C-alpha cells in the first residue's frame, strides 16, 4: 500500500512540474494586438510620407516579431529546465504599440485616399 501512494505522489509531482512549465510563458505574436494610437499625429502627413511611415513601421514590426519569437524559444527552454518561463518583455509591449501606430497610419491613408506602395506594386 505504501508503494502505491509513493507512485501516486511521484505522478502528481511530475504532472505538476509539467503544468508549471507553462507558467509565465511569453505571449505568441499572433495574439498581440495593436494598442490604441490616436490618428491626430498623422493628420498633416502627405500620402508619400504616410507610405514611408507604414513601410518603416512594417519593418519594425517584423523585427519585433522575430525578437518575440526568440523570447518564446528561450522561454520554452528555460521552462523545460527550471519549470517557468520568462514572460513577456519589452518586445511584446513595443510590438503592440507599433501595430497600433501602423493601424493609425493605414486609417489616415484611407481618409486621404492614398494607396500604399506595396498595393501599387501588387497591381502591376
PDB file of N, CA and C in Angstrom:
ATOM      1  N   UNK A   1       0.825  -1.193   0.000  1.00  0.00           N
ATOM      2  CA  UNK A   1       0.000   0.000   0.000  1.00  0.00           C
ATOM      3  C   UNK A   1       0.866   1.253   0.000  1.00  0.00           C
ATOM      4  N   UNK A   2       1.999   1.208   0.684  1.00  0.00           N
ATOM      5  CA  UNK A   2       2.875   2.365   0.706  1.00  0.00           C
ATOM      6  C   UNK A   2       3.471   2.629  -0.671  1.00  0.00           C
ATOM      7  N   UNK A   3       3.779   1.547  -1.407  1.00  0.00           N
ATOM      8  CA  UNK A   3       4.335   1.713  -2.747  1.00  0.00           C
ATOM      9  C   UNK A   3       3.362   2.450  -3.655  1.00  0.00           C
ATOM     10  N   UNK A   4       2.090   2.132  -3.559  1.00  0.00           N
ATOM     11  CA  UNK A   4       1.074   2.765  -4.389  1.00  0.00           C
ATOM     12  C   UNK A   4       0.983   4.262  -4.100  1.00  0.00           C
ATOM     13  N   UNK A   5       1.020   4.653  -2.841  1.00  0.00           N
ATOM     14  CA  UNK A   5       0.929   6.070  -2.510  1.00  0.00           C
ATOM     15  C   UNK A   5       2.207   6.814  -2.919  1.00  0.00           C
ATOM     16  N   UNK A   6       3.350   6.150  -2.884  1.00  0.00           N
ATOM     17  CA  UNK A   6       4.595   6.770  -3.355  1.00  0.00           C
ATOM     18  C   UNK A   6       4.508   7.011  -4.859  1.00  0.00           C
ATOM     19  N   UNK A   7       3.967   6.025  -5.595  1.00  0.00           N
ATOM     20  CA  UNK A   7       3.792   6.197  -7.035  1.00  0.00           C
ATOM     21  C   UNK A   7       2.814   7.329  -7.340  1.00  0.00           C
ATOM     22  N   UNK A   8       1.729   7.419  -6.575  1.00  0.00           N
ATOM     23  CA  UNK A   8       0.752   8.492  -6.776  1.00  0.00           C
ATOM     24  C   UNK A   8       1.374   9.858  -6.529  1.00  0.00           C
ATOM     25  N   UNK A   9       2.171   9.956  -5.494  1.00  0.00           N
ATOM     26  CA  UNK A   9       2.844  11.226  -5.193  1.00  0.00           C
ATOM     27  C   UNK A   9       3.839  11.569  -6.302  1.00  0.00           C
ATOM     28  N   UNK A  10       4.576  10.574  -6.777  1.00  0.00           N
ATOM     29  CA  UNK A  10       5.542  10.810  -7.854  1.00  0.00           C
ATOM     30  C   UNK A  10       4.842  11.269  -9.126  1.00  0.00           C
ATOM     31  N   UNK A  11       3.757  10.635  -9.465  1.00  0.00           N
ATOM     32  CA  UNK A  11       2.989  11.023 -10.653  1.00  0.00           C
ATOM     33  C   UNK A  11       2.445  12.441 -10.489  1.00  0.00           C
ATOM     34  N   UNK A  12       1.935  12.748  -9.321  1.00  0.00           N
ATOM     35  CA  UNK A  12       1.414  14.085  -9.042  1.00  0.00           C
ATOM     36  C   UNK A  12       2.510  15.142  -9.204  1.00  0.00           C
ATOM     37  N   UNK A  13       3.700  14.851  -8.685  1.00  0.00           N
ATOM     38  CA  UNK A  13       4.803  15.807  -8.786  1.00  0.00           C
ATOM     39  C   UNK A  13       5.253  16.004 -10.234  1.00  0.00           C
ATOM     40  N   UNK A  14       5.298  14.933 -10.993  1.00  0.00           N
ATOM     41  CA  UNK A  14       5.697  15.038 -12.403  1.00  0.00           C
ATOM     42  C   UNK A  14       4.672  15.857 -13.186  1.00  0.00           C
ATOM     43  N   UNK A  15       3.400  15.569 -13.004  1.00  0.00           N
ATOM     44  CA  UNK A  15       2.342  16.306 -13.703  1.00  0.00           C
ATOM     45  C   UNK A  15       2.353  17.769 -13.276  1.00  0.00           C
ATOM     46  N   UNK A  16       2.526  18.040 -12.004  1.00  0.00           N
ATOM     47  CA  UNK A  16       2.576  19.422 -11.511  1.00  0.00           C
ATOM     48  C   UNK A  16       3.746  20.182 -12.110  1.00  0.00           C
ATOM     49  N   UNK A  17       4.889  19.524 -12.209  1.00  0.00           N
ATOM     50  CA  UNK A  17       6.067  20.164 -12.796  1.00  0.00           C
ATOM     51  C   UNK A  17       5.843  20.467 -14.263  1.00  0.00           C
ATOM     52  N   UNK A  18       5.236  19.553 -14.991  1.00  0.00           N
ATOM     53  CA  UNK A  18       4.975  19.781 -16.405  1.00  0.00           C
ATOM     54  C   UNK A  18       3.983  20.918 -16.610  1.00  0.00           C
ATOM     55  N   UNK A  19       2.950  20.976 -15.769  1.00  0.00           N
ATOM     56  CA  UNK A  19       1.981  22.063 -15.874  1.00  0.00           C
ATOM     57  C   UNK A  19       2.587  23.391 -15.444  1.00  0.00           C
ATOM     58  N   UNK A  20       3.460  23.370 -14.484  1.00  0.00           N
ATOM     59  CA  UNK A  20       4.108  24.600 -14.028  1.00  0.00           C
ATOM     60  C   UNK A  20       5.038  25.150 -15.096  1.00  0.00           C
ATOM     61  N   UNK A  21       5.514  24.292 -15.991  1.00  0.00           N
ATOM     62  CA  UNK A  21       6.373  24.736 -17.084  1.00  0.00           C
ATOM     63  C   UNK A  21       5.662  25.695 -18.015  1.00  0.00           C
ATOM     64  N   UNK A  22       4.359  25.685 -17.999  1.00  0.00           N
ATOM     65  CA  UNK A  22       3.578  26.601 -18.829  1.00  0.00           C
ATOM     66  C   UNK A  22       3.401  27.960 -18.159  1.00  0.00           C
ATOM     67  N   UNK A  23       3.779  28.076 -16.917  1.00  0.00           N
ATOM     68  CA  UNK A  23       3.592  29.321 -16.184  1.00  0.00           C
ATOM     69  C   UNK A  23       4.540  30.399 -16.700  1.00  0.00           C
ATOM     70  N   UNK A  24       4.020  31.579 -16.834  1.00  0.00           N
ATOM     71  CA  UNK A  24       4.795  32.760 -17.200  1.00  0.00           C
ATOM     72  C   UNK A  24       5.464  32.628 -18.568  1.00  0.00           C
ATOM     73  N   UNK A  25       4.751  32.076 -19.510  1.00  0.00           N
ATOM     74  CA  UNK A  25       5.271  31.964 -20.867  1.00  0.00           C
ATOM     75  C   UNK A  25       4.930  33.241 -21.645  1.00  0.00           C
ATOM     76  N   UNK A  26       5.796  33.639 -22.578  1.00  0.00           N
ATOM     77  CA  UNK A  26       5.524  34.829 -23.386  1.00  0.00           C
ATOM     78  C   UNK A  26       4.301  34.642 -24.286  1.00  0.00           C
ATOM     79  N   UNK A  27       3.673  35.744 -24.620  1.00  0.00           N
ATOM     80  CA  UNK A  27       2.501  35.737 -25.482  1.00  0.00           C
ATOM     81  C   UNK A  27       2.916  35.469 -26.926  1.00  0.00           C
ATOM     82  N   UNK A  28       2.239  34.550 -27.616  1.00  0.00           N
ATOM     83  CA  UNK A  28       2.545  34.348 -29.035  1.00  0.00           C
ATOM     84  C   UNK A  28       2.288  35.632 -29.827  1.00  0.00           C
ATOM     85  N   UNK A  29       3.081  35.874 -30.855  1.00  0.00           N
ATOM     86  CA  UNK A  29       2.977  37.122 -31.620  1.00  0.00           C
ATOM     87  C   UNK A  29       1.609  37.272 -32.278  1.00  0.00           C
ATOM     88  N   UNK A  30       0.987  36.175 -32.639  1.00  0.00           N
ATOM     89  CA  UNK A  30      -0.329  36.252 -33.281  1.00  0.00           C
ATOM     90  C   UNK A  30      -1.410  36.755 -32.326  1.00  0.00           C
ATOM     91  N   UNK A  31      -1.154  36.687 -31.018  1.00  0.00           N
ATOM     92  CA  UNK A  31      -2.140  37.123 -30.034  1.00  0.00           C
ATOM     93  C   UNK A  31      -1.886  38.542 -29.527  1.00  0.00           C
ATOM     94  N   UNK A  32      -0.833  39.184 -30.015  1.00  0.00           N
ATOM     95  CA  UNK A  32      -0.532  40.558 -29.596  1.00  0.00           C
ATOM     96  C   UNK A  32      -1.230  41.502 -30.561  1.00  0.00           C
ATOM     97  N   UNK A  33      -2.214  42.211 -30.052  1.00  0.00           N
ATOM     98  CA  UNK A  33      -2.966  43.139 -30.890  1.00  0.00           C
ATOM     99  C   UNK A  33      -2.421  44.545 -30.713  1.00  0.00           C
ATOM    100  N   UNK A  34      -2.752  45.395 -31.652  1.00  0.00           N
ATOM    101  CA  UNK A  34      -2.279  46.773 -31.607  1.00  0.00           C
ATOM    102  C   UNK A  34      -2.947  47.565 -30.502  1.00  0.00           C
ATOM    103  N   UNK A  35      -2.158  48.366 -29.812  1.00  0.00           N
ATOM    104  CA  UNK A  35      -2.725  49.242 -28.788  1.00  0.00           C
ATOM    105  C   UNK A  35      -3.281  50.488 -29.466  1.00  0.00           C
ATOM    106  N   UNK A  36      -4.173  51.162 -28.784  1.00  0.00           N
ATOM    107  CA  UNK A  36      -4.793  52.354 -29.373  1.00  0.00           C
ATOM    108  C   UNK A  36      -3.753  53.451 -29.558  1.00  0.00           C
ATOM    109  N   UNK A  37      -3.747  54.031 -30.744  1.00  0.00           N
ATOM    110  CA  UNK A  37      -2.898  55.173 -31.050  1.00  0.00           C
ATOM    111  C   UNK A  37      -3.750  56.186 -31.784  1.00  0.00           C
ATOM    112  N   UNK A  38      -3.711  57.420 -31.344  1.00  0.00           N
ATOM    113  CA  UNK A  38      -4.500  58.467 -31.975  1.00  0.00           C
ATOM    114  C   UNK A  38      -3.978  58.755 -33.380  1.00  0.00           C
ATOM    115  N   UNK A  39      -4.895  58.966 -34.299  1.00  0.00           N
ATOM    116  CA  UNK A  39      -4.534  59.281 -35.670  1.00  0.00           C
ATOM    117  C   UNK A  39      -4.204  60.747 -35.884  1.00  0.00           C
ATOM    118  N   UNK A  40      -4.356  61.575 -34.838  1.00  0.00           N
ATOM    119  CA  UNK A  40      -4.084  63.006 -34.970  1.00  0.00           C
ATOM    120  C   UNK A  40      -2.641  63.286 -35.373  1.00  0.00           C
ATOM    121  N   UNK A  41      -1.750  62.421 -34.977  1.00  0.00           N
ATOM    122  CA  UNK A  41      -0.335  62.590 -35.292  1.00  0.00           C
ATOM    123  C   UNK A  41      -0.092  62.588 -36.799  1.00  0.00           C
ATOM    124  N   UNK A  42      -0.908  61.835 -37.524  1.00  0.00           N
ATOM    125  CA  UNK A  42      -0.691  61.644 -38.952  1.00  0.00           C
ATOM    126  C   UNK A  42      -1.613  62.494 -39.824  1.00  0.00           C
ATOM    127  N   UNK A  43      -2.408  63.354 -39.229  1.00  0.00           N
ATOM    128  CA  UNK A  43      -3.367  64.174 -39.963  1.00  0.00           C
ATOM    129  C   UNK A  43      -2.719  65.046 -41.036  1.00  0.00           C
ATOM    130  N   UNK A  44      -1.584  65.645 -40.739  1.00  0.00           N
ATOM    131  CA  UNK A  44      -0.945  66.581 -41.651  1.00  0.00           C
ATOM    132  C   UNK A  44       0.065  65.930 -42.589  1.00  0.00           C
ATOM    133  N   UNK A  45       0.212  64.613 -42.513  1.00  0.00           N
ATOM    134  CA  UNK A  45       1.168  63.920 -43.371  1.00  0.00           C
ATOM    135  C   UNK A  45       0.603  63.809 -44.791  1.00  0.00           C
ATOM    136  N   UNK A  46       1.474  63.920 -45.772  1.00  0.00           N
ATOM    137  CA  UNK A  46       1.080  63.685 -47.161  1.00  0.00           C
ATOM    138  C   UNK A  46       1.123  62.191 -47.434  1.00  0.00           C
ATOM    139  N   UNK A  47       0.533  61.784 -48.548  1.00  0.00           N
ATOM    140  CA  UNK A  47       0.463  60.350 -48.884  1.00  0.00           C
ATOM    141  C   UNK A  47       1.843  59.705 -48.964  1.00  0.00           C
ATOM    142  N   UNK A  48       2.791  60.387 -49.568  1.00  0.00           N
ATOM    143  CA  UNK A  48       4.131  59.802 -49.706  1.00  0.00           C
ATOM    144  C   UNK A  48       4.768  59.581 -48.341  1.00  0.00           C
ATOM    145  N   UNK A  49       4.577  60.534 -47.438  1.00  0.00           N
ATOM    146  CA  UNK A  49       5.144  60.389 -46.095  1.00  0.00           C
ATOM    147  C   UNK A  49       4.426  59.295 -45.309  1.00  0.00           C
ATOM    148  N   UNK A  50       3.123  59.184 -45.491  1.00  0.00           N
ATOM    149  CA  UNK A  50       2.373  58.112 -44.835  1.00  0.00           C
ATOM    150  C   UNK A  50       2.836  56.750 -45.336  1.00  0.00           C
ATOM    151  N   UNK A  51       3.108  56.652 -46.629  1.00  0.00           N
ATOM    152  CA  UNK A  51       3.583  55.399 -47.197  1.00  0.00           C
ATOM    153  C   UNK A  51       4.947  55.016 -46.622  1.00  0.00           C
ATOM    154  N   UNK A  52       5.829  55.991 -46.506  1.00  0.00           N
ATOM    155  CA  UNK A  52       7.148  55.741 -45.913  1.00  0.00           C
ATOM    156  C   UNK A  52       6.993  55.322 -44.454  1.00  0.00           C
ATOM    157  N   UNK A  53       6.092  55.977 -43.757  1.00  0.00           N
ATOM    158  CA  UNK A  53       5.859  55.667 -42.341  1.00  0.00           C
ATOM    159  C   UNK A  53       5.328  54.248 -42.152  1.00  0.00           C
ATOM    160  N   UNK A  54       4.368  53.828 -42.975  1.00  0.00           N
ATOM    161  CA  UNK A  54       3.804  52.484 -42.834  1.00  0.00           C
ATOM    162  C   UNK A  54       4.849  51.432 -43.196  1.00  0.00           C
ATOM    163  N   UNK A  55       5.702  51.724 -44.175  1.00  0.00           N
ATOM    164  CA  UNK A  55       6.772  50.775 -44.510  1.00  0.00           C
ATOM    165  C   UNK A  55       7.778  50.660 -43.370  1.00  0.00           C
ATOM    166  N   UNK A  56       8.105  51.779 -42.753  1.00  0.00           N
ATOM    167  CA  UNK A  56       9.033  51.783 -41.623  1.00  0.00           C
ATOM    168  C   UNK A  56       8.457  51.008 -40.440  1.00  0.00           C
ATOM    169  N   UNK A  57       7.183  51.228 -40.176  1.00  0.00           N
ATOM    170  CA  UNK A  57       6.522  50.508 -39.078  1.00  0.00           C
ATOM    171  C   UNK A  57       6.434  49.011 -39.372  1.00  0.00           C
ATOM    172  N   UNK A  58       6.245  48.649 -40.634  1.00  0.00           N
ATOM    173  CA  UNK A  58       6.186  47.230 -41.000  1.00  0.00           C
ATOM    174  C   UNK A  58       7.547  46.561 -40.774  1.00  0.00           C
ATOM    175  N   UNK A  59       8.631  47.269 -41.110  1.00  0.00           N
ATOM    176  CA  UNK A  59       9.967  46.707 -40.857  1.00  0.00           C
ATOM    177  C   UNK A  59      10.208  46.534 -39.366  1.00  0.00           C
ATOM    178  N   UNK A  60       9.818  47.535 -38.587  1.00  0.00           N
ATOM    179  CA  UNK A  60       9.995  47.439 -37.129  1.00  0.00           C
ATOM    180  C   UNK A  60       9.129  46.325 -36.552  1.00  0.00           C
ATOM    181  N   UNK A  61       7.928  46.169 -37.076  1.00  0.00           N
ATOM    182  CA  UNK A  61       7.052  45.085 -36.620  1.00  0.00           C
ATOM    183  C   UNK A  61       7.705  43.732 -36.881  1.00  0.00           C
ATOM    184  N   UNK A  62       8.286  43.549 -38.050  1.00  0.00           N
ATOM    185  CA  UNK A  62       8.957  42.282 -38.366  1.00  0.00           C
ATOM    186  C   UNK A  62      10.115  42.017 -37.413  1.00  0.00           C
ATOM    187  N   UNK A  63      10.889  43.045 -37.082  1.00  0.00           N
ATOM    188  CA  UNK A  63      11.993  42.885 -36.136  1.00  0.00           C
ATOM    189  C   UNK A  63      11.471  42.464 -34.762  1.00  0.00           C
ATOM    190  N   UNK A  64      10.393  43.076 -34.337  1.00  0.00           N
ATOM    191  CA  UNK A  64       9.837  42.766 -33.022  1.00  0.00           C
ATOM    192  C   UNK A  64       9.200  41.375 -32.984  1.00  0.00           C
ATOM    193  N   UNK A  65       8.604  40.957 -34.094  1.00  0.00           N
ATOM    194  CA  UNK A  65       8.046  39.604 -34.167  1.00  0.00           C
ATOM    195  C   UNK A  65       9.170  38.586 -34.013  1.00  0.00           C
ATOM    196  N   UNK A  66      10.285  38.809 -34.696  1.00  0.00           N
ATOM    197  CA  UNK A  66      11.432  37.908 -34.582  1.00  0.00           C
ATOM    198  C   UNK A  66      11.958  37.888 -33.148  1.00  0.00           C
ATOM    199  N   UNK A  67      12.052  39.072 -32.535  1.00  0.00           N
ATOM    200  CA  UNK A  67      12.537  39.148 -31.154  1.00  0.00           C
ATOM    201  C   UNK A  67      11.596  38.424 -30.193  1.00  0.00           C
ATOM    202  N   UNK A  68      10.290  38.571 -30.390  1.00  0.00           N
ATOM    203  CA  UNK A  68       9.321  37.900 -29.518  1.00  0.00           C
ATOM    204  C   UNK A  68       9.377  36.393 -29.714  1.00  0.00           C
ATOM    205  N   UNK A  69       9.543  35.947 -30.957  1.00  0.00           N
ATOM    206  CA  UNK A  69       9.637  34.505 -31.203  1.00  0.00           C
ATOM    207  C   UNK A  69      10.913  33.920 -30.589  1.00  0.00           C
ATOM    208  N   UNK A  70      11.999  34.677 -30.604  1.00  0.00           N
ATOM    209  CA  UNK A  70      13.228  34.238 -29.937  1.00  0.00           C
ATOM    210  C   UNK A  70      13.005  34.137 -28.430  1.00  0.00           C
ATOM    211  N   UNK A  71      12.271  35.099 -27.880  1.00  0.00           N
ATOM    212  CA  UNK A  71      11.971  35.076 -26.450  1.00  0.00           C
ATOM    213  C   UNK A  71      11.132  33.849 -26.112  1.00  0.00           C
ATOM    214  N   UNK A  72      10.202  33.499 -26.988  1.00  0.00           N
ATOM    215  CA  UNK A  72       9.364  32.326 -26.764  1.00  0.00           C
ATOM    216  C   UNK A  72      10.225  31.063 -26.764  1.00  0.00           C
ATOM    217  N   UNK A  73      11.139  30.965 -27.739  1.00  0.00           N
ATOM    218  CA  UNK A  73      12.014  29.777 -27.813  1.00  0.00           C
ATOM    219  C   UNK A  73      12.891  29.649 -26.569  1.00  0.00           C
ATOM    220  N   UNK A  74      13.514  30.746 -26.166  1.00  0.00           N
ATOM    221  CA  UNK A  74      14.382  30.664 -24.987  1.00  0.00           C
ATOM    222  C   UNK A  74      13.572  30.422 -23.716  1.00  0.00           C
ATOM    223  N   UNK A  75      12.357  30.939 -23.689  1.00  0.00           N
ATOM    224  CA  UNK A  75      11.493  30.720 -22.534  1.00  0.00           C
ATOM    225  C   UNK A  75      11.046  29.265 -22.452  1.00  0.00           C
ATOM    226  N   UNK A  76      10.816  28.639 -23.606  1.00  0.00           N
ATOM    227  CA  UNK A  76      10.452  27.225 -23.608  1.00  0.00           C
ATOM    228  C   UNK A  76      11.600  26.374 -23.081  1.00  0.00           C
ATOM    229  N   UNK A  77      12.814  26.730 -23.462  1.00  0.00           N
ATOM    230  CA  UNK A  77      13.984  26.007 -22.956  1.00  0.00           C
ATOM    231  C   UNK A  77      14.111  26.201 -21.453  1.00  0.00           C
ATOM    232  N   UNK A  78      13.937  27.442 -21.007  1.00  0.00           N
ATOM    233  CA  UNK A  78      14.020  27.737 -19.578  1.00  0.00           C
ATOM    234  C   UNK A  78      12.925  26.994 -18.813  1.00  0.00           C
ATOM    235  N   UNK A  79      11.718  26.970 -19.390  1.00  0.00           N
ATOM    236  CA  UNK A  79      10.613  26.282 -18.719  1.00  0.00           C
ATOM    237  C   UNK A  79      10.878  24.785 -18.625  1.00  0.00           C
ATOM    238  N   UNK A  80      11.532  24.230 -19.635  1.00  0.00           N
ATOM    239  CA  UNK A  80      11.860  22.804 -19.600  1.00  0.00           C
ATOM    240  C   UNK A  80      12.800  22.497 -18.443  1.00  0.00           C
ATOM    241  N   UNK A  81      13.827  23.346 -18.260  1.00  0.00           N
ATOM    242  CA  UNK A  81      14.834  23.076 -17.243  1.00  0.00           C
ATOM    243  C   UNK A  81      14.446  23.581 -15.857  1.00  0.00           C
ATOM    244  N   UNK A  82      13.798  24.727 -15.765  1.00  0.00           N
ATOM    245  CA  UNK A  82      13.542  25.338 -14.460  1.00  0.00           C
ATOM    246  C   UNK A  82      12.072  25.326 -14.051  1.00  0.00           C
ATOM    247  N   UNK A  83      11.172  25.037 -14.984  1.00  0.00           N
ATOM    248  CA  UNK A  83       9.760  24.935 -14.630  1.00  0.00           C
ATOM    249  C   UNK A  83       8.977  26.225 -14.783  1.00  0.00           C
ATOM    250  N   UNK A  84       9.605  27.273 -15.269  1.00  0.00           N
ATOM    251  CA  UNK A  84       8.868  28.519 -15.511  1.00  0.00           C
ATOM    252  C   UNK A  84       9.536  29.265 -16.657  1.00  0.00           C
ATOM    253  N   UNK A  85       8.728  30.078 -17.343  1.00  0.00           N
ATOM    254  CA  UNK A  85       9.226  30.836 -18.491  1.00  0.00           C
ATOM    255  C   UNK A  85       9.634  32.246 -18.115  1.00  0.00           C
ATOM    256  N   UNK A  86      10.013  33.013 -19.125  1.00  0.00           N
ATOM    257  CA  UNK A  86      10.476  34.386 -18.907  1.00  0.00           C
ATOM    258  C   UNK A  86       9.336  35.393 -18.882  1.00  0.00           C
ATOM    259  N   UNK A  87       8.213  35.060 -19.461  1.00  0.00           N
ATOM    260  CA  UNK A  87       7.118  36.017 -19.564  1.00  0.00           C
ATOM    261  C   UNK A  87       7.381  37.016 -20.674  1.00  0.00           C
ATOM    262  N   UNK A  88       6.478  37.968 -20.814  1.00  0.00           N
ATOM    263  CA  UNK A  88       6.632  38.991 -21.841  1.00  0.00           C
ATOM    264  C   UNK A  88       7.656  40.023 -21.408  1.00  0.00           C
ATOM    265  N   UNK A  89       8.381  40.524 -22.372  1.00  0.00           N
ATOM    266  CA  UNK A  89       9.348  41.589 -22.130  1.00  0.00           C
ATOM    267  C   UNK A  89       8.925  42.837 -22.865  1.00  0.00           C
ATOM    268  N   UNK A  90       9.863  43.716 -23.072  1.00  0.00           N
ATOM    269  CA  UNK A  90       9.608  44.979 -23.754  1.00  0.00           C
ATOM    270  C   UNK A  90       9.178  44.742 -25.196  1.00  0.00           C
ATOM    271  N   UNK A  91       9.590  43.608 -25.775  1.00  0.00           N
ATOM    272  CA  UNK A  91       9.257  43.311 -27.168  1.00  0.00           C
ATOM    273  C   UNK A  91       7.746  43.262 -27.378  1.00  0.00           C
ATOM    274  N   UNK A  92       7.039  42.631 -26.462  1.00  0.00           N
ATOM    275  CA  UNK A  92       5.586  42.464 -26.601  1.00  0.00           C
ATOM    276  C   UNK A  92       4.865  43.803 -26.521  1.00  0.00           C
ATOM    277  N   UNK A  93       5.237  44.642 -25.570  1.00  0.00           N
ATOM    278  CA  UNK A  93       4.562  45.937 -25.452  1.00  0.00           C
ATOM    279  C   UNK A  93       4.918  46.853 -26.614  1.00  0.00           C
ATOM    280  N   UNK A  94       6.167  46.801 -27.069  1.00  0.00           N
ATOM    281  CA  UNK A  94       6.542  47.631 -28.213  1.00  0.00           C
ATOM    282  C   UNK A  94       5.861  47.129 -29.485  1.00  0.00           C
ATOM    283  N   UNK A  95       5.714  45.816 -29.614  1.00  0.00           N
ATOM    284  CA  UNK A  95       5.011  45.261 -30.772  1.00  0.00           C
ATOM    285  C   UNK A  95       3.560  45.732 -30.787  1.00  0.00           C
ATOM    286  N   UNK A  96       2.915  45.758 -29.643  1.00  0.00           N
ATOM    287  CA  UNK A  96       1.540  46.255 -29.563  1.00  0.00           C
ATOM    288  C   UNK A  96       1.475  47.722 -29.968  1.00  0.00           C
ATOM    289  N   UNK A  97       2.448  48.523 -29.535  1.00  0.00           N
ATOM    290  CA  UNK A  97       2.475  49.938 -29.904  1.00  0.00           C
ATOM    291  C   UNK A  97       2.689  50.126 -31.400  1.00  0.00           C
ATOM    292  N   UNK A  98       3.624  49.377 -31.970  1.00  0.00           N
ATOM    293  CA  UNK A  98       3.918  49.502 -33.397  1.00  0.00           C
ATOM    294  C   UNK A  98       2.712  49.072 -34.228  1.00  0.00           C
ATOM    295  N   UNK A  99       2.057  48.009 -33.829  1.00  0.00           N
ATOM    296  CA  UNK A  99       0.869  47.569 -34.560  1.00  0.00           C
ATOM    297  C   UNK A  99      -0.251  48.600 -34.468  1.00  0.00           C
ATOM    298  N   UNK A 100      -0.371  49.256 -33.322  1.00  0.00           N
ATOM    299  CA  UNK A 100      -1.368  50.313 -33.178  1.00  0.00           C
ATOM    300  C   UNK A 100      -1.042  51.519 -34.050  1.00  0.00           C
ATOM    301  N   UNK A 101       0.223  51.918 -34.082  1.00  0.00           N
ATOM    302  CA  UNK A 101       0.630  53.027 -34.933  1.00  0.00           C
ATOM    303  C   UNK A 101       0.421  52.703 -36.405  1.00  0.00           C
ATOM    304  N   UNK A 102       0.754  51.487 -36.779  1.00  0.00           N
ATOM    305  CA  UNK A 102       0.593  51.060 -38.167  1.00  0.00           C
ATOM    306  C   UNK A 102      -0.874  51.135 -38.581  1.00  0.00           C
ATOM    307  N   UNK A 103      -1.762  50.744 -37.692  1.00  0.00           N
ATOM    308  CA  UNK A 103      -3.193  50.831 -37.980  1.00  0.00           C
ATOM    309  C   UNK A 103      -3.642  52.287 -38.111  1.00  0.00           C
ATOM    310  N   UNK A 104      -3.106  53.160 -37.283  1.00  0.00           N
ATOM    311  CA  UNK A 104      -3.443  54.585 -37.372  1.00  0.00           C
ATOM    312  C   UNK A 104      -2.983  55.184 -38.695  1.00  0.00           C
ATOM    313  N   UNK A 105      -1.790  54.806 -39.140  1.00  0.00           N
ATOM    314  CA  UNK A 105      -1.281  55.293 -40.422  1.00  0.00           C
ATOM    315  C   UNK A 105      -2.157  54.788 -41.559  1.00  0.00           C
ATOM    316  N   UNK A 106      -2.546  53.540 -41.497  1.00  0.00           N
ATOM    317  CA  UNK A 106      -3.407  52.995 -42.554  1.00  0.00           C
ATOM    318  C   UNK A 106      -4.764  53.686 -42.590  1.00  0.00           C
ATOM    319  N   UNK A 107      -5.303  54.014 -41.424  1.00  0.00           N
ATOM    320  CA  UNK A 107      -6.576  54.741 -41.384  1.00  0.00           C
ATOM    321  C   UNK A 107      -6.405  56.137 -41.973  1.00  0.00           C
ATOM    322  N   UNK A 108      -5.288  56.786 -41.658  1.00  0.00           N
ATOM    323  CA  UNK A 108      -5.021  58.116 -42.223  1.00  0.00           C
ATOM    324  C   UNK A 108      -4.888  58.028 -43.737  1.00  0.00           C
ATOM    325  N   UNK A 109      -4.282  56.946 -44.222  1.00  0.00           N
ATOM    326  CA  UNK A 109      -4.151  56.759 -45.670  1.00  0.00           C
ATOM    327  C   UNK A 109      -5.514  56.560 -46.322  1.00  0.00           C
ATOM    328  N   UNK A 110      -6.394  55.840 -45.651  1.00  0.00           N
ATOM    329  CA  UNK A 110      -7.744  55.636 -46.177  1.00  0.00           C
ATOM    330  C   UNK A 110      -8.509  56.949 -46.236  1.00  0.00           C
ATOM    331  N   UNK A 111      -8.389  57.744 -45.186  1.00  0.00           N
ATOM    332  CA  UNK A 111      -9.098  59.020 -45.131  1.00  0.00           C
ATOM    333  C   UNK A 111      -8.629  59.945 -46.255  1.00  0.00           C
ATOM    334  N   UNK A 112      -7.334  59.930 -46.526  1.00  0.00           N
ATOM    335  CA  UNK A 112      -6.770  60.800 -47.567  1.00  0.00           C
ATOM    336  C   UNK A 112      -6.889  60.197 -48.958  1.00  0.00           C
ATOM    337  N   UNK A 113      -7.298  58.947 -49.055  1.00  0.00           N
ATOM    338  CA  UNK A 113      -7.431  58.295 -50.351  1.00  0.00           C
ATOM    339  C   UNK A 113      -6.098  57.864 -50.941  1.00  0.00           C
ATOM    340  N   UNK A 114      -5.127  57.606 -50.098  1.00  0.00           N
ATOM    341  CA  UNK A 114      -3.801  57.191 -50.555  1.00  0.00           C
ATOM    342  C   UNK A 114      -3.788  55.691 -50.834  1.00  0.00           C
ATOM    343  N   UNK A 115      -2.847  55.304 -51.680  1.00  0.00           N
ATOM    344  CA  UNK A 115      -2.562  53.889 -51.879  1.00  0.00           C
ATOM    345  C   UNK A 115      -1.150  53.666 -51.405  1.00  0.00           C
ATOM    346  N   UNK A 116      -0.932  52.567 -50.684  1.00  0.00           N
ATOM    347  CA  UNK A 116       0.428  52.275 -50.247  1.00  0.00           C
ATOM    348  C   UNK A 116       1.240  51.786 -51.427  1.00  0.00           C
ATOM    349  N   UNK A 117       2.552  51.923 -51.343  1.00  0.00           N
ATOM    350  CA  UNK A 117       3.432  51.496 -52.429  1.00  0.00           C
ATOM    351  C   UNK A 117       3.329  50.003 -52.668  1.00  0.00           C
ATOM    352  N   UNK A 118       3.105  49.230 -51.598  1.00  0.00           N
ATOM    353  CA  UNK A 118       3.017  47.782 -51.764  1.00  0.00           C
ATOM    354  C   UNK A 118       1.775  47.399 -52.569  1.00  0.00           C
ATOM    355  N   UNK A 119       0.688  48.159 -52.407  1.00  0.00           N
ATOM    356  CA  UNK A 119      -0.534  47.886 -53.181  1.00  0.00           C
ATOM    357  C   UNK A 119      -0.267  48.199 -54.640  1.00  0.00           C
ATOM    358  N   UNK A 120       0.421  49.293 -54.934  1.00  0.00           N
ATOM    359  CA  UNK A 120       0.719  49.650 -56.311  1.00  0.00           C
ATOM    360  C   UNK A 120       1.592  48.585 -56.973  1.00  0.00           C
ATOM    361  N   UNK A 121       2.541  48.031 -56.250  1.00  0.00           N
ATOM    362  CA  UNK A 121       3.418  47.006 -56.811  1.00  0.00           C
ATOM    363  C   UNK A 121       2.632  45.741 -57.126  1.00  0.00           C
ATOM    364  N   UNK A 122       1.677  45.392 -56.258  1.00  0.00           N
ATOM    365  CA  UNK A 122       0.881  44.177 -56.462  1.00  0.00           C
ATOM    366  C   UNK A 122      -0.056  44.314 -57.647  1.00  0.00           C
ATOM    367  N   UNK A 123      -0.510  45.538 -57.917  1.00  0.00           N
ATOM    368  CA  UNK A 123      -1.458  45.756 -59.006  1.00  0.00           C
ATOM    369  C   UNK A 123      -0.810  45.608 -60.378  1.00  0.00           C
ATOM    370  N   UNK A 124       0.498  45.752 -60.439  1.00  0.00           N
ATOM    371  CA  UNK A 124       1.197  45.721 -61.740  1.00  0.00           C
ATOM    372  C   UNK A 124       1.250  44.337 -62.302  1.00  0.00           C
TER     373      UNK A 124
END
